[in-house]
Amino acid sequence: KGMEAAFETIRPGLREYEVAGEIEYAMRRMGSWGVAFDTAVASGARSAHPHGGCTDRKIKRGDLVVLDIGAKYQNYRADLTRTVTVGEPSTKQVRIHKVVKEAQNRAFQTVRAGAKACDIDAVARKLIERDGYGKYFVHRVGHGIGLDIHEPPSLNPETKDKLKVGNVVTVEPGIYIVEFGGVRIEDTVLVRKDGAEKLTKVSYDLRLG
């Protein structure tokens, strides 16, 4: 509901913190005990910062806007990221979003009990590298989440962790190009014996309005 509120709110001229306020209000009204972490609304060139936070910058038409949000309930946390544009996206924005979406989907499909966390990272990383954006993917593909926002297992290239039934992890590849902008797509995922279930279910559409 918080992400849907963001989609409905974002428009040119609105400040990032105004969008964040609507996100957090919507989540509170639905029963959230608070935010899982500081809400991020990173627009324009600021979207190239993986943890761009939220400022008084006014959103402009054509901006990439990275929305990284999470609610807390009974002290458990969720983590969800979508990237949108206000108005018609450019060809480059569409291409980068498509690459990240494919990487996220491929990585998600490999999530299951017994899977090596490093292998899940590798699936997304190799696809992004294949399309020429490898140097712009600057963080791990995911992490465990629960009572803390970052918990084991860690889904990174060096980890020895393996997934277990009942783990809850994020899958969140991204591409971040300084002075251009960034795209990240993230879901919170429950690990099952023969696959995984997305606990966050929101549109992946790039274009708003």
C-alpha atoms as a PDB file:
ATOM      1  CA  LYS A   1       0.000   0.000   0.000  1.00  0.00           C
ATOM      2  CA  GLY A   2       2.912   2.320   0.670  1.00  0.00           C
ATOM      3  CA  MET A   3       4.299   1.750  -2.818  1.00  0.00           C
ATOM      4  CA  GLU A   4       0.878   2.224  -4.396  1.00  0.00           C
ATOM      5  CA  ALA A   5       0.621   5.541  -2.531  1.00  0.00           C
ATOM      6  CA  ALA A   6       3.967   6.556  -4.038  1.00  0.00           C
ATOM      7  CA  PHE A   7       2.770   5.696  -7.543  1.00  0.00           C
ATOM      8  CA  GLU A   8      -0.382   7.784  -7.019  1.00  0.00           C
ATOM      9  CA  THR A   9       1.485  10.729  -5.474  1.00  0.00           C
ATOM     10  CA  ILE A  10       4.589  11.262  -7.622  1.00  0.00           C
ATOM     11  CA  ARG A  11       4.401  14.154 -10.055  1.00  0.00           C
ATOM     12  CA  PRO A  12       6.739  16.864 -11.334  1.00  0.00           C
ATOM     13  CA  GLY A  13       7.396  19.596  -8.788  1.00  0.00           C
ATOM     14  CA  LEU A  14       6.785  17.429  -5.731  1.00  0.00           C
ATOM     15  CA  ARG A  15       9.656  17.134  -3.272  1.00  0.00           C
ATOM     16  CA  GLU A  16      11.108  13.749  -2.380  1.00  0.00           C
ATOM     17  CA  TYR A  17      10.151  14.099   1.278  1.00  0.00           C
ATOM     18  CA  GLU A  18       6.533  14.792   0.325  1.00  0.00           C
ATOM     19  CA  VAL A  19       6.363  11.444  -1.471  1.00  0.00           C
ATOM     20  CA  ALA A  20       8.029   9.750   1.522  1.00  0.00           C
ATOM     21  CA  GLY A  21       5.402  11.257   3.807  1.00  0.00           C
ATOM     22  CA  GLU A  22       2.556   9.784   1.754  1.00  0.00           C
ATOM     23  CA  ILE A  23       4.276   6.379   1.688  1.00  0.00           C
ATOM     24  CA  GLU A  24       4.727   6.272   5.445  1.00  0.00           C
ATOM     25  CA  TYR A  25       1.212   7.567   6.144  1.00  0.00           C
ATOM     26  CA  ALA A  26      -0.324   4.862   3.937  1.00  0.00           C
ATOM     27  CA  MET A  27       1.657   2.117   5.669  1.00  0.00           C
ATOM     28  CA  ARG A  28       0.728   3.435   9.126  1.00  0.00           C
ATOM     29  CA  ARG A  29      -2.953   3.507   8.224  1.00  0.00           C
ATOM     30  CA  MET A  30      -2.716  -0.159   7.191  1.00  0.00           C
ATOM     31  CA  GLY A  31      -1.289  -1.124  10.591  1.00  0.00           C
ATOM     32  CA  SER A  32       2.470  -0.695  10.260  1.00  0.00           C
ATOM     33  CA  TRP A  33       4.292  -0.288  13.581  1.00  0.00           C
ATOM     34  CA  GLY A  34       6.726   2.031  11.829  1.00  0.00           C
ATOM     35  CA  VAL A  35       9.238   2.008   9.011  1.00  0.00           C
ATOM     36  CA  ALA A  36      11.694  -0.865   8.631  1.00  0.00           C
ATOM     37  CA  PHE A  37      14.396   1.684   7.722  1.00  0.00           C
ATOM     38  CA  ASP A  38      14.539   5.287   6.508  1.00  0.00           C
ATOM     39  CA  THR A  39      12.292   5.609   3.458  1.00  0.00           C
ATOM     40  CA  ALA A  40      14.253   6.338   0.274  1.00  0.00           C
ATOM     41  CA  VAL A  41      12.881   8.480  -2.542  1.00  0.00           C
ATOM     42  CA  ALA A  42      15.901   9.172  -4.757  1.00  0.00           C
ATOM     43  CA  SER A  43      15.181  11.077  -7.967  1.00  0.00           C
ATOM     44  CA  GLY A  44      17.155  12.214 -10.983  1.00  0.00           C
ATOM     45  CA  ALA A  45      20.935  11.854 -10.698  1.00  0.00           C
ATOM     46  CA  ARG A  46      20.481  10.996  -7.005  1.00  0.00           C
ATOM     47  CA  SER A  47      18.927   7.670  -8.037  1.00  0.00           C
ATOM     48  CA  ALA A  48      22.477   6.535  -8.897  1.00  0.00           C
ATOM     49  CA  HIS A  49      23.231   6.325  -5.163  1.00  0.00           C
ATOM     50  CA  PRO A  50      22.261   2.835  -3.908  1.00  0.00           C
ATOM     51  CA  HIS A  51      21.216   4.353  -0.555  1.00  0.00           C
ATOM     52  CA  GLY A  52      20.054   7.735  -1.775  1.00  0.00           C
ATOM     53  CA  GLY A  53      17.720   8.477   1.119  1.00  0.00           C
ATOM     54  CA  CYS A  54      15.320  11.365   0.805  1.00  0.00           C
ATOM     55  CA  THR A  55      15.880  15.126   0.369  1.00  0.00           C
ATOM     56  CA  ASP A  56      14.034  18.314  -0.515  1.00  0.00           C
ATOM     57  CA  ARG A  57      14.859  17.900  -4.219  1.00  0.00           C
ATOM     58  CA  LYS A  58      11.921  18.551  -6.529  1.00  0.00           C
ATOM     59  CA  ILE A  59      11.090  15.657  -8.847  1.00  0.00           C
ATOM     60  CA  LYS A  60      11.259  16.551 -12.532  1.00  0.00           C
ATOM     61  CA  ARG A  61       9.523  15.079 -15.568  1.00  0.00           C
ATOM     62  CA  GLY A  62      11.650  12.291 -17.039  1.00  0.00           C
ATOM     63  CA  ASP A  63      13.506  11.571 -13.787  1.00  0.00           C
ATOM     64  CA  LEU A  64      14.274   8.059 -12.676  1.00  0.00           C
ATOM     65  CA  VAL A  65      12.915   7.712  -9.136  1.00  0.00           C
ATOM     66  CA  VAL A  66      14.118   4.859  -6.917  1.00  0.00           C
ATOM     67  CA  LEU A  67      11.601   4.057  -4.167  1.00  0.00           C
ATOM     68  CA  ASP A  68      13.053   1.862  -1.409  1.00  0.00           C
ATOM     69  CA  ILE A  69      10.515   1.347   1.366  1.00  0.00           C
ATOM     70  CA  GLY A  70       9.638  -1.044   4.149  1.00  0.00           C
ATOM     71  CA  ALA A  71       7.026  -1.447   6.867  1.00  0.00           C
ATOM     72  CA  LYS A  72       7.545  -2.965  10.309  1.00  0.00           C
ATOM     73  CA  TYR A  73       4.925  -5.157  11.983  1.00  0.00           C
ATOM     74  CA  GLN A  74       5.326  -7.032  15.274  1.00  0.00           C
ATOM     75  CA  ASN A  75       8.994  -6.007  14.933  1.00  0.00           C
ATOM     76  CA  TYR A  76       9.447  -7.937  11.660  1.00  0.00           C
ATOM     77  CA  ARG A  77      10.502  -5.965   8.621  1.00  0.00           C
ATOM     78  CA  ALA A  78       9.846  -5.880   4.888  1.00  0.00           C
ATOM     79  CA  ASP A  79      11.980  -4.407   2.108  1.00  0.00           C
ATOM     80  CA  LEU A  80      10.658  -3.365  -1.303  1.00  0.00           C
ATOM     81  CA  THR A  81      12.140  -1.305  -4.143  1.00  0.00           C
ATOM     82  CA  ARG A  82      10.682  -0.160  -7.412  1.00  0.00           C
ATOM     83  CA  THR A  83      12.016   2.336  -9.949  1.00  0.00           C
ATOM     84  CA  VAL A  84       9.713   4.576 -11.973  1.00  0.00           C
ATOM     85  CA  THR A  85       9.835   7.547 -14.317  1.00  0.00           C
ATOM     86  CA  VAL A  86       7.479  10.484 -14.361  1.00  0.00           C
ATOM     87  CA  GLY A  87       6.186  10.583 -17.911  1.00  0.00           C
ATOM     88  CA  GLU A  88       7.748   8.913 -20.919  1.00  0.00           C
ATOM     89  CA  PRO A  89      11.060   7.145 -20.148  1.00  0.00           C
ATOM     90  CA  SER A  90      14.039   7.468 -22.475  1.00  0.00           C
ATOM     91  CA  THR A  91      15.330   4.564 -24.540  1.00  0.00           C
ATOM     92  CA  LYS A  92      18.299   4.181 -22.187  1.00  0.00           C
ATOM     93  CA  GLN A  93      16.083   4.196 -19.109  1.00  0.00           C
ATOM     94  CA  VAL A  94      13.867   1.502 -20.626  1.00  0.00           C
ATOM     95  CA  ARG A  95      16.890  -0.625 -21.569  1.00  0.00           C
ATOM     96  CA  ILE A  96      18.464  -0.446 -18.097  1.00  0.00           C
ATOM     97  CA  HIS A  97      15.149  -1.189 -16.391  1.00  0.00           C
ATOM     98  CA  LYS A  98      14.637  -4.212 -18.642  1.00  0.00           C
ATOM     99  CA  VAL A  99      18.102  -5.580 -17.797  1.00  0.00           C
ATOM    100  CA  VAL A 100      17.553  -5.165 -14.047  1.00  0.00           C
ATOM    101  CA  LYS A 101      14.075  -6.705 -14.227  1.00  0.00           C
ATOM    102  CA  GLU A 102      15.394  -9.749 -16.090  1.00  0.00           C
ATOM    103  CA  ALA A 103      18.294 -10.116 -13.642  1.00  0.00           C
ATOM    104  CA  GLN A 104      15.913  -9.910 -10.697  1.00  0.00           C
ATOM    105  CA  ASN A 105      13.536 -12.464 -12.176  1.00  0.00           C
ATOM    106  CA  ARG A 106      16.302 -14.920 -13.075  1.00  0.00           C
ATOM    107  CA  ALA A 107      17.824 -14.652  -9.605  1.00  0.00           C
ATOM    108  CA  PHE A 108      14.421 -15.133  -7.979  1.00  0.00           C
ATOM    109  CA  GLN A 109      13.885 -18.312  -9.987  1.00  0.00           C
ATOM    110  CA  THR A 110      17.040 -19.831  -8.446  1.00  0.00           C
ATOM    111  CA  VAL A 111      15.942 -19.205  -4.849  1.00  0.00           C
ATOM    112  CA  ARG A 112      15.148 -22.477  -3.061  1.00  0.00           C
ATOM    113  CA  ALA A 113      16.246 -24.442  -0.009  1.00  0.00           C
ATOM    114  CA  GLY A 114      19.806 -25.737  -0.414  1.00  0.00           C
ATOM    115  CA  ALA A 115      20.790 -23.146  -3.017  1.00  0.00           C
ATOM    116  CA  LYS A 116      24.169 -21.482  -2.540  1.00  0.00           C
ATOM    117  CA  ALA A 117      23.644 -17.792  -1.880  1.00  0.00           C
ATOM    118  CA  CYS A 118      26.678 -16.944  -4.046  1.00  0.00           C
ATOM    119  CA  ASP A 119      25.081 -18.743  -7.005  1.00  0.00           C
ATOM    120  CA  ILE A 120      21.970 -16.564  -6.758  1.00  0.00           C
ATOM    121  CA  ASP A 121      24.149 -13.458  -6.808  1.00  0.00           C
ATOM    122  CA  ALA A 122      26.059 -14.853  -9.791  1.00  0.00           C
ATOM    123  CA  VAL A 123      22.911 -15.370 -11.870  1.00  0.00           C
ATOM    124  CA  ALA A 124      21.983 -11.695 -11.645  1.00  0.00           C
ATOM    125  CA  ARG A 125      25.560 -10.436 -11.910  1.00  0.00           C
ATOM    126  CA  LYS A 126      26.391 -12.439 -15.043  1.00  0.00           C
ATOM    127  CA  LEU A 127      23.262 -11.248 -16.810  1.00  0.00           C
ATOM    128  CA  ILE A 128      24.019  -7.607 -15.998  1.00  0.00           C
ATOM    129  CA  GLU A 129      27.626  -8.107 -17.115  1.00  0.00           C
ATOM    130  CA  ARG A 130      26.425  -9.744 -20.340  1.00  0.00           C
ATOM    131  CA  ASP A 131      24.537  -6.581 -21.232  1.00  0.00           C
ATOM    132  CA  GLY A 132      27.524  -4.343 -20.538  1.00  0.00           C
ATOM    133  CA  TYR A 133      26.552  -2.893 -17.174  1.00  0.00           C
ATOM    134  CA  GLY A 134      28.659  -5.046 -14.858  1.00  0.00           C
ATOM    135  CA  LYS A 135      30.699  -2.192 -13.402  1.00  0.00           C
ATOM    136  CA  TYR A 136      27.485  -0.397 -12.452  1.00  0.00           C
ATOM    137  CA  PHE A 137      26.194  -3.208 -10.217  1.00  0.00           C
ATOM    138  CA  VAL A 138      27.970  -2.199  -7.025  1.00  0.00           C
ATOM    139  CA  HIS A 139      26.386  -4.234  -4.224  1.00  0.00           C
ATOM    140  CA  ARG A 140      25.295  -7.772  -3.364  1.00  0.00           C
ATOM    141  CA  VAL A 141      22.096  -9.169  -4.835  1.00  0.00           C
ATOM    142  CA  GLY A 142      20.389  -9.620  -1.492  1.00  0.00           C
ATOM    143  CA  HIS A 143      20.356 -10.291   2.234  1.00  0.00           C
ATOM    144  CA  GLY A 144      18.343 -11.974   4.922  1.00  0.00           C
ATOM    145  CA  ILE A 145      15.650  -9.913   6.618  1.00  0.00           C
ATOM    146  CA  GLY A 146      13.654 -10.380   9.812  1.00  0.00           C
ATOM    147  CA  LEU A 147      13.895  -8.630  13.170  1.00  0.00           C
ATOM    148  CA  ASP A 148      16.752  -6.615  11.646  1.00  0.00           C
ATOM    149  CA  ILE A 149      16.800  -5.160   8.160  1.00  0.00           C
ATOM    150  CA  HIS A 150      20.076  -6.956   7.325  1.00  0.00           C
ATOM    151  CA  GLU A 151      20.485 -10.510   8.619  1.00  0.00           C
ATOM    152  CA  PRO A 152      22.149 -13.719   7.405  1.00  0.00           C
ATOM    153  CA  PRO A 153      22.175 -15.257   4.886  1.00  0.00           C
ATOM    154  CA  SER A 154      24.063 -12.807   2.692  1.00  0.00           C
ATOM    155  CA  LEU A 155      23.628 -13.187  -1.076  1.00  0.00           C
ATOM    156  CA  ASN A 156      27.024 -11.980  -2.308  1.00  0.00           C
ATOM    157  CA  PRO A 157      29.831 -13.359  -4.505  1.00  0.00           C
ATOM    158  CA  GLU A 158      32.048 -14.530  -1.613  1.00  0.00           C
ATOM    159  CA  THR A 159      29.501 -15.982   0.818  1.00  0.00           C
ATOM    160  CA  LYS A 160      29.468 -19.622   1.908  1.00  0.00           C
ATOM    161  CA  ASP A 161      25.838 -19.351   3.043  1.00  0.00           C
ATOM    162  CA  LYS A 162      23.171 -21.754   1.806  1.00  0.00           C
ATOM    163  CA  LEU A 163      19.457 -21.046   1.897  1.00  0.00           C
ATOM    164  CA  LYS A 164      17.164 -22.961   4.226  1.00  0.00           C
ATOM    165  CA  VAL A 165      13.402 -23.494   4.272  1.00  0.00           C
ATOM    166  CA  GLY A 166      11.847 -20.517   6.028  1.00  0.00           C
ATOM    167  CA  ASN A 167      14.630 -18.031   5.300  1.00  0.00           C
ATOM    168  CA  VAL A 168      13.322 -14.666   4.192  1.00  0.00           C
ATOM    169  CA  VAL A 169      15.680 -12.813   1.861  1.00  0.00           C
ATOM    170  CA  THR A 170      15.704  -9.901  -0.537  1.00  0.00           C
ATOM    171  CA  VAL A 171      16.494 -10.139  -4.249  1.00  0.00           C
ATOM    172  CA  GLU A 172      17.580  -6.688  -5.410  1.00  0.00           C
ATOM    173  CA  PRO A 173      19.967  -6.226  -8.348  1.00  0.00           C
ATOM    174  CA  GLY A 174      20.603  -2.703  -9.552  1.00  0.00           C
ATOM    175  CA  ILE A 175      22.447  -0.583 -12.089  1.00  0.00           C
ATOM    176  CA  TYR A 176      23.761   2.827 -10.984  1.00  0.00           C
ATOM    177  CA  ILE A 177      25.283   5.255 -13.478  1.00  0.00           C
ATOM    178  CA  VAL A 178      26.720   8.421 -11.918  1.00  0.00           C
ATOM    179  CA  GLU A 179      25.209  11.667 -13.288  1.00  0.00           C
ATOM    180  CA  PHE A 180      22.579   9.653 -15.194  1.00  0.00           C
ATOM    181  CA  GLY A 181      20.609   7.723 -12.609  1.00  0.00           C
ATOM    182  CA  GLY A 182      19.950   4.266 -11.279  1.00  0.00           C
ATOM    183  CA  VAL A 183      17.473   1.410 -11.350  1.00  0.00           C
ATOM    184  CA  ARG A 184      16.882  -1.142  -8.594  1.00  0.00           C
ATOM    185  CA  ILE A 185      14.114  -3.726  -8.336  1.00  0.00           C
ATOM    186  CA  GLU A 186      13.680  -5.569  -5.042  1.00  0.00           C
ATOM    187  CA  ASP A 187      11.278  -8.038  -3.487  1.00  0.00           C
ATOM    188  CA  THR A 188      11.165  -9.728  -0.102  1.00  0.00           C
ATOM    189  CA  VAL A 189      11.099 -13.477  -0.733  1.00  0.00           C
ATOM    190  CA  LEU A 190      10.236 -16.536   1.375  1.00  0.00           C
ATOM    191  CA  VAL A 191      12.438 -19.588   0.760  1.00  0.00           C
ATOM    192  CA  ARG A 192      10.524 -22.823   0.271  1.00  0.00           C
ATOM    193  CA  LYS A 193      11.728 -26.370  -0.358  1.00  0.00           C
ATOM    194  CA  ASP A 194      11.303 -26.296  -4.138  1.00  0.00           C
ATOM    195  CA  GLY A 195      11.295 -22.601  -4.890  1.00  0.00           C
ATOM    196  CA  ALA A 196      10.332 -19.277  -3.386  1.00  0.00           C
ATOM    197  CA  GLU A 197       7.357 -16.999  -2.828  1.00  0.00           C
ATOM    198  CA  LYS A 198       7.384 -13.235  -3.279  1.00  0.00           C
ATOM    199  CA  LEU A 199       5.889 -11.604  -0.200  1.00  0.00           C
ATOM    200  CA  THR A 200       5.938  -8.177  -1.875  1.00  0.00           C
ATOM    201  CA  LYS A 201       3.550  -7.979  -4.823  1.00  0.00           C
ATOM    202  CA  VAL A 202       3.557  -4.641  -6.620  1.00  0.00           C
ATOM    203  CA  SER A 203       3.649  -3.570 -10.272  1.00  0.00           C
ATOM    204  CA  TYR A 204       7.076  -3.461 -11.930  1.00  0.00           C
ATOM    205  CA  ASP A 205       6.017  -0.848 -14.506  1.00  0.00           C
ATOM    206  CA  LEU A 206       8.622   1.822 -15.212  1.00  0.00           C
ATOM    207  CA  ARG A 207       6.383   4.566 -16.542  1.00  0.00           C
ATOM    208  CA  LEU A 208       4.043   6.583 -14.325  1.00  0.00           C
ATOM    209  CA  GLY A 209       1.289   8.778 -15.734  1.00  0.00           C
END
